[in-house]
């Protein structure tokens, strides 16, 4: 994979595509091209460019509509979009373009120095954002790992005689990590597309396994942090942030389910003991 920034040019004029491509390649950028709005969206999803140079007038979908679809797509929203228009395009159209989420707007004929300056400024912002998110990821994982690695108190160990789930049942733990990682993916899809992926039900299934194995809060955190670390590997900045935010909510939800599970089990055991004692008392009376 190239370390150079990738720019997607969307324009239905071959001469414009060639001109932009030559300019950008001479500055060290990797360049992709599209001649329709649908092509632009498809190539953007397949290649995740760093920036899109998007002509307002395309043969199938207007550049403004393409920009809106990009900026409302959780997978593409972090891509910078610069709209390009002719001088005849009204100021209202330019305002509309910016309102739909465009990061910049330039008019033809394009001033090469101005275009390159705008592109460099945006990509520089992107690098800073990536660095900030990477720092957030590291801090999140470090915080979770520190909590999960804290040893249980001697009293707890003596009472329950348990070791961390990772040590006691490593194969089962790894399977559950994979299972929980899949739930995180389902949670993102559920949030992005407003569909019911039965995330809560899937979490309850995991919790039942944890409860059966007498897992504690640190096992839950260990499970979460291990799966999160796996999902953050090679994730885009946007998706990494989504994993962290969604993961925090699912961690709290899973903790709550585990408390409910143990409470129900405790109440069930109490009810059985009560019934047994009552039966013994009645038997003694007879």
Protein backbone atom coordinates (compact mmCIF):
# COMPACT_ATOMS: atom_id res chain seq x y z
CA UNK A 1 0.00 0.00 0.00
CA UNK A 2 1.32 3.44 -0.96
CA UNK A 3 2.00 6.00 1.76
CA UNK A 4 1.10 8.77 -0.65
CA UNK A 5 -2.27 10.52 -0.44
CA UNK A 6 -4.86 9.43 -2.98
CA UNK A 7 -7.12 11.89 -4.78
CA UNK A 8 -10.20 10.92 -6.75
CA UNK A 9 -11.17 13.26 -9.62
CA UNK A 10 -14.81 13.16 -10.75
CA UNK A 11 -15.40 15.02 -14.01
CA UNK A 12 -17.10 13.99 -17.27
CA UNK A 13 -14.69 15.99 -19.45
CA UNK A 14 -11.69 13.94 -20.52
CA UNK A 15 -9.47 17.00 -21.01
CA UNK A 16 -10.20 18.19 -17.48
CA UNK A 17 -9.47 14.75 -16.04
CA UNK A 18 -6.16 14.63 -17.89
CA UNK A 19 -5.16 18.12 -16.79
CA UNK A 20 -5.99 17.55 -13.12
CA UNK A 21 -4.30 14.16 -13.18
CA UNK A 22 -1.05 15.54 -14.59
CA UNK A 23 -0.98 18.37 -12.04
CA UNK A 24 -1.66 16.13 -9.06
CA UNK A 25 0.68 13.34 -10.11
CA UNK A 26 3.47 15.88 -10.56
CA UNK A 27 2.95 16.78 -6.88
CA UNK A 28 3.33 13.16 -5.79
CA UNK A 29 -0.31 12.18 -5.33
CA UNK A 30 -1.89 8.91 -6.44
CA UNK A 31 -4.81 9.72 -8.71
CA UNK A 32 -8.09 7.93 -9.48
CA UNK A 33 -10.74 9.15 -11.90
CA UNK A 34 -14.51 8.88 -12.45
CA UNK A 35 -16.77 10.33 -15.13
CA UNK A 36 -20.15 9.90 -13.39
CA UNK A 37 -21.54 10.36 -9.91
CA UNK A 38 -22.25 6.67 -9.48
CA UNK A 39 -18.70 5.83 -10.56
CA UNK A 40 -17.41 8.34 -8.05
CA UNK A 41 -19.36 6.72 -5.21
CA UNK A 42 -18.32 3.23 -6.21
CA UNK A 43 -14.62 4.09 -6.52
CA UNK A 44 -14.74 5.99 -3.24
CA UNK A 45 -16.15 2.95 -1.43
CA UNK A 46 -13.63 0.60 -3.02
CA UNK A 47 -10.51 2.75 -2.56
CA UNK A 48 -11.24 5.24 0.25
CA UNK A 49 -9.33 8.19 -1.27
CA UNK A 50 -8.11 10.95 1.00
CA UNK A 51 -9.77 13.67 -1.06
CA UNK A 52 -12.29 13.94 -3.93
CA UNK A 53 -12.14 16.71 -6.52
CA UNK A 54 -15.79 16.68 -7.53
CA UNK A 55 -17.32 18.54 -10.46
CA UNK A 56 -20.74 19.99 -9.71
CA UNK A 57 -22.14 19.01 -13.11
CA UNK A 58 -22.04 15.29 -13.80
CA UNK A 59 -24.17 13.42 -16.37
CA UNK A 60 -26.17 11.30 -13.91
CA UNK A 61 -26.07 12.83 -10.42
CA UNK A 62 -25.14 16.37 -9.50
CA UNK A 63 -21.88 16.80 -7.64
CA UNK A 64 -23.79 18.39 -4.78
CA UNK A 65 -25.93 15.24 -4.38
CA UNK A 66 -22.85 13.03 -4.60
CA UNK A 67 -21.21 15.10 -1.87
CA UNK A 68 -24.30 14.79 0.33
CA UNK A 69 -24.32 11.01 -0.05
CA UNK A 70 -20.62 10.82 0.80
CA UNK A 71 -20.94 12.98 3.89
CA UNK A 72 -23.94 11.04 5.22
CA UNK A 73 -22.23 7.68 4.76
CA UNK A 74 -20.44 6.69 7.96
CA UNK A 75 -17.79 4.82 5.96
CA UNK A 76 -16.99 7.75 3.65
CA UNK A 77 -17.74 10.86 5.70
CA UNK A 78 -14.11 11.57 6.62
CA UNK A 79 -13.08 11.91 2.97
CA UNK A 80 -12.43 15.54 2.06
CA UNK A 81 -14.58 16.82 -0.82
CA UNK A 82 -13.74 19.87 -2.93
CA UNK A 83 -16.54 20.89 -5.30
CA UNK A 84 -15.54 22.33 -8.67
CA UNK A 85 -17.86 24.51 -10.76
CA UNK A 86 -17.87 26.91 -13.67
CA UNK A 87 -18.19 30.64 -13.15
CA UNK A 88 -21.78 30.46 -14.37
CA UNK A 89 -22.85 28.45 -11.32
CA UNK A 90 -24.80 30.67 -8.93
CA UNK A 91 -23.70 31.67 -5.47
CA UNK A 92 -26.76 29.85 -4.08
CA UNK A 93 -25.47 26.61 -5.60
CA UNK A 94 -22.08 27.16 -4.01
CA UNK A 95 -23.71 27.77 -0.63
CA UNK A 96 -25.84 24.63 -1.07
CA UNK A 97 -22.72 22.65 -1.86
CA UNK A 98 -21.03 23.78 1.33
CA UNK A 99 -24.19 23.16 3.34
CA UNK A 100 -24.22 19.54 2.19
CA UNK A 101 -20.82 19.04 3.78
CA UNK A 102 -18.28 19.98 1.11
CA UNK A 103 -14.94 20.95 2.61
CA UNK A 104 -14.09 23.41 -0.15
CA UNK A 105 -15.39 25.04 -3.33
CA UNK A 106 -13.39 26.33 -6.28
CA UNK A 107 -14.41 27.70 -9.67
CA UNK A 108 -13.10 27.19 -13.19
CA UNK A 109 -10.75 28.13 -14.68
CA UNK A 110 -8.82 26.68 -11.80
CA UNK A 111 -5.85 28.46 -10.33
CA UNK A 112 -3.35 25.61 -9.93
CA UNK A 113 -1.52 27.18 -7.00
CA UNK A 114 -4.79 27.85 -5.18
CA UNK A 115 -6.01 24.29 -5.81
CA UNK A 116 -2.81 22.69 -4.56
CA UNK A 117 -2.69 24.94 -1.51
CA UNK A 118 -6.26 24.00 -0.60
CA UNK A 119 -5.57 20.29 -1.07
CA UNK A 120 -2.39 20.39 1.03
CA UNK A 121 -4.15 22.28 3.81
CA UNK A 122 -6.97 19.74 3.99
CA UNK A 123 -4.68 16.72 3.94
CA UNK A 124 -2.60 18.30 6.69
CA UNK A 125 -5.75 18.59 8.81
CA UNK A 126 -6.49 14.94 8.06
CA UNK A 127 -3.05 13.88 9.28
CA UNK A 128 -3.58 15.76 12.53
CA UNK A 129 -6.97 14.11 13.02
CA UNK A 130 -5.48 10.67 12.36
CA UNK A 131 -2.78 11.31 14.95
CA UNK A 132 -5.34 12.43 17.53
CA UNK A 133 -7.52 9.39 16.94
CA UNK A 134 -4.53 7.06 17.10
CA UNK A 135 -3.64 8.58 20.49
CA UNK A 136 -7.23 8.07 21.64
CA UNK A 137 -7.09 4.43 20.56
CA UNK A 138 -3.86 3.81 22.44
CA UNK A 139 -5.20 5.47 25.61
CA UNK A 140 -8.46 3.53 25.43
CA UNK A 141 -6.72 0.18 25.05
CA UNK A 142 -4.18 1.03 27.77
CA UNK A 143 -6.93 2.04 30.19
CA UNK A 144 -8.94 -1.12 29.57
CA UNK A 145 -5.89 -3.38 29.65
CA UNK A 146 -4.72 -1.89 32.93
CA UNK A 147 -8.09 -2.55 34.54
CA UNK A 148 -8.37 -6.06 33.12
CA UNK A 149 -4.86 -7.04 34.21
CA UNK A 150 -5.34 -6.01 37.84
CA UNK A 151 -5.21 -9.14 39.95
CA UNK A 152 -8.23 -10.19 41.96
CA UNK A 153 -8.05 -9.55 45.68
CA UNK A 154 -6.81 -12.44 47.84
CA UNK A 155 -10.21 -12.58 49.55
CA UNK A 156 -12.01 -13.00 46.22
CA UNK A 157 -9.55 -15.67 45.12
CA UNK A 158 -10.00 -17.58 48.36
CA UNK A 159 -13.78 -17.35 48.26
CA UNK A 160 -14.32 -18.32 44.65
CA UNK A 161 -11.08 -20.02 43.67
CA UNK A 162 -11.17 -18.55 40.19
CA UNK A 163 -8.52 -17.35 37.81
CA UNK A 164 -9.02 -14.96 34.89
CA UNK A 165 -11.10 -16.54 32.17
CA UNK A 166 -8.26 -16.02 29.70
CA UNK A 167 -6.09 -18.36 31.78
CA UNK A 168 -8.70 -20.86 32.89
CA UNK A 169 -10.37 -21.44 29.51
CA UNK A 170 -8.12 -19.90 26.83
CA UNK A 171 -9.82 -21.61 23.88
CA UNK A 172 -13.29 -20.61 25.03
CA UNK A 173 -12.06 -17.09 25.77
CA UNK A 174 -10.66 -16.70 22.24
CA UNK A 175 -13.92 -17.96 20.73
CA UNK A 176 -15.85 -15.43 22.78
CA UNK A 177 -13.52 -12.66 21.66
CA UNK A 178 -14.36 -13.49 18.06
CA UNK A 179 -18.04 -13.63 18.92
CA UNK A 180 -17.96 -10.26 20.68
CA UNK A 181 -15.96 -8.69 17.84
CA UNK A 182 -18.75 -9.74 15.48
CA UNK A 183 -21.29 -8.12 17.80
CA UNK A 184 -19.35 -4.84 17.65
CA UNK A 185 -19.55 -4.98 13.86
CA UNK A 186 -23.29 -5.65 14.02
CA UNK A 187 -23.69 -2.73 16.43
CA UNK A 188 -22.02 -0.35 13.97
CA UNK A 189 -24.24 -1.54 11.13
CA UNK A 190 -27.30 -1.19 13.33
CA UNK A 191 -26.35 2.38 14.22
CA UNK A 192 -25.42 3.39 10.67
CA UNK A 193 -28.31 1.83 8.76
CA UNK A 194 -31.01 1.92 11.46
CA UNK A 195 -31.69 -1.79 11.21
CA UNK A 196 -32.29 -4.36 13.91
CA UNK A 197 -29.26 -6.62 14.09
CA UNK A 198 -30.36 -8.18 17.41
CA UNK A 199 -27.29 -6.79 19.13
CA UNK A 200 -28.79 -6.96 22.61
CA UNK A 201 -29.82 -10.58 22.12
CA UNK A 202 -26.30 -11.43 20.91
CA UNK A 203 -24.77 -9.76 23.96
CA UNK A 204 -27.11 -11.70 26.25
CA UNK A 205 -25.92 -14.95 24.69
CA UNK A 206 -22.32 -13.98 25.46
CA UNK A 207 -23.28 -13.01 29.01
CA UNK A 208 -24.92 -16.38 29.60
CA UNK A 209 -21.65 -18.05 28.63
CA UNK A 210 -19.75 -15.71 30.95
CA UNK A 211 -22.16 -16.39 33.78
CA UNK A 212 -21.91 -20.14 33.32
CA UNK A 213 -18.13 -19.82 33.63
CA UNK A 214 -18.45 -17.62 36.74
CA UNK A 215 -16.77 -14.70 34.98
CA UNK A 216 -16.25 -11.44 36.83
CA UNK A 217 -16.19 -7.76 35.76
CA UNK A 218 -12.49 -7.91 34.86
CA UNK A 219 -13.14 -10.84 32.54
CA UNK A 220 -15.78 -8.76 30.76
CA UNK A 221 -13.34 -5.86 30.37
CA UNK A 222 -10.61 -8.24 29.21
CA UNK A 223 -12.97 -9.70 26.61
CA UNK A 224 -13.99 -6.24 25.44
CA UNK A 225 -10.48 -4.78 25.25
CA UNK A 226 -9.09 -7.80 23.38
CA UNK A 227 -11.87 -7.69 20.78
CA UNK A 228 -11.61 -3.90 20.47
CA UNK A 229 -7.87 -4.07 19.89
CA UNK A 230 -8.48 -6.59 17.14
CA UNK A 231 -11.15 -4.43 15.45
CA UNK A 232 -9.01 -1.28 15.61
CA UNK A 233 -6.24 -2.94 13.62
CA UNK A 234 -6.29 -1.45 10.11
CA UNK A 235 -9.56 0.41 10.82
CA UNK A 236 -10.04 3.83 9.26
CA UNK A 237 -10.03 6.84 11.59
CA UNK A 238 -13.79 7.21 11.32
CA UNK A 239 -14.47 3.55 12.00
CA UNK A 240 -11.96 3.37 14.86
CA UNK A 241 -13.72 6.22 16.62
CA UNK A 242 -17.07 4.50 16.03
CA UNK A 243 -15.75 1.22 17.48
CA UNK A 244 -14.53 2.98 20.62
CA UNK A 245 -17.75 4.93 21.19
CA UNK A 246 -20.06 2.03 20.39
CA UNK A 247 -17.86 -0.36 22.37
CA UNK A 248 -18.17 1.73 25.52
CA UNK A 249 -21.96 1.47 25.39
CA UNK A 250 -21.86 -2.27 24.73
CA UNK A 251 -19.41 -2.82 27.58
CA UNK A 252 -21.77 -1.09 30.02
CA UNK A 253 -24.71 -3.04 28.58
CA UNK A 254 -22.85 -6.33 28.97
CA UNK A 255 -21.95 -5.52 32.57
CA UNK A 256 -25.60 -4.81 33.29
CA UNK A 257 -26.69 -8.10 31.72
CA UNK A 258 -24.12 -9.99 33.79
CA UNK A 259 -25.38 -8.41 37.04
CA UNK A 260 -28.94 -9.35 36.07
CA UNK A 261 -27.82 -12.89 35.26
CA UNK A 262 -26.17 -13.40 38.66
CA UNK A 263 -29.09 -11.79 40.49
CA UNK A 264 -31.55 -14.10 38.73
CA UNK A 265 -29.39 -17.11 39.48
CA UNK A 266 -29.11 -16.07 43.11
CA UNK A 267 -32.85 -15.54 43.45
CA UNK A 268 -33.47 -18.88 41.77
CA UNK A 269 -31.14 -20.64 44.18
CA UNK A 270 -32.82 -18.91 47.12
CA UNK A 271 -36.23 -19.99 45.91
CA UNK A 272 -35.08 -23.60 45.56
CA UNK A 273 -33.58 -23.55 49.06
CA UNK A 274 -36.75 -22.03 50.48
CA UNK A 275 -38.92 -24.68 48.83
CA UNK A 276 -36.57 -27.41 50.02
CA UNK A 277 -36.61 -26.11 53.60
CA UNK A 278 -40.39 -25.82 53.53
CA UNK A 279 -40.70 -29.38 52.26
CA UNK A 280 -38.36 -30.65 54.96
CA UNK A 281 -40.30 -28.76 57.64
CA UNK A 282 -43.63 -30.10 56.44
CA UNK A 283 -42.17 -33.60 56.32
CA UNK A 284 -40.96 -33.29 59.89
CA UNK A 285 -44.40 -32.13 61.02
CA UNK A 286 -45.93 -35.23 59.58
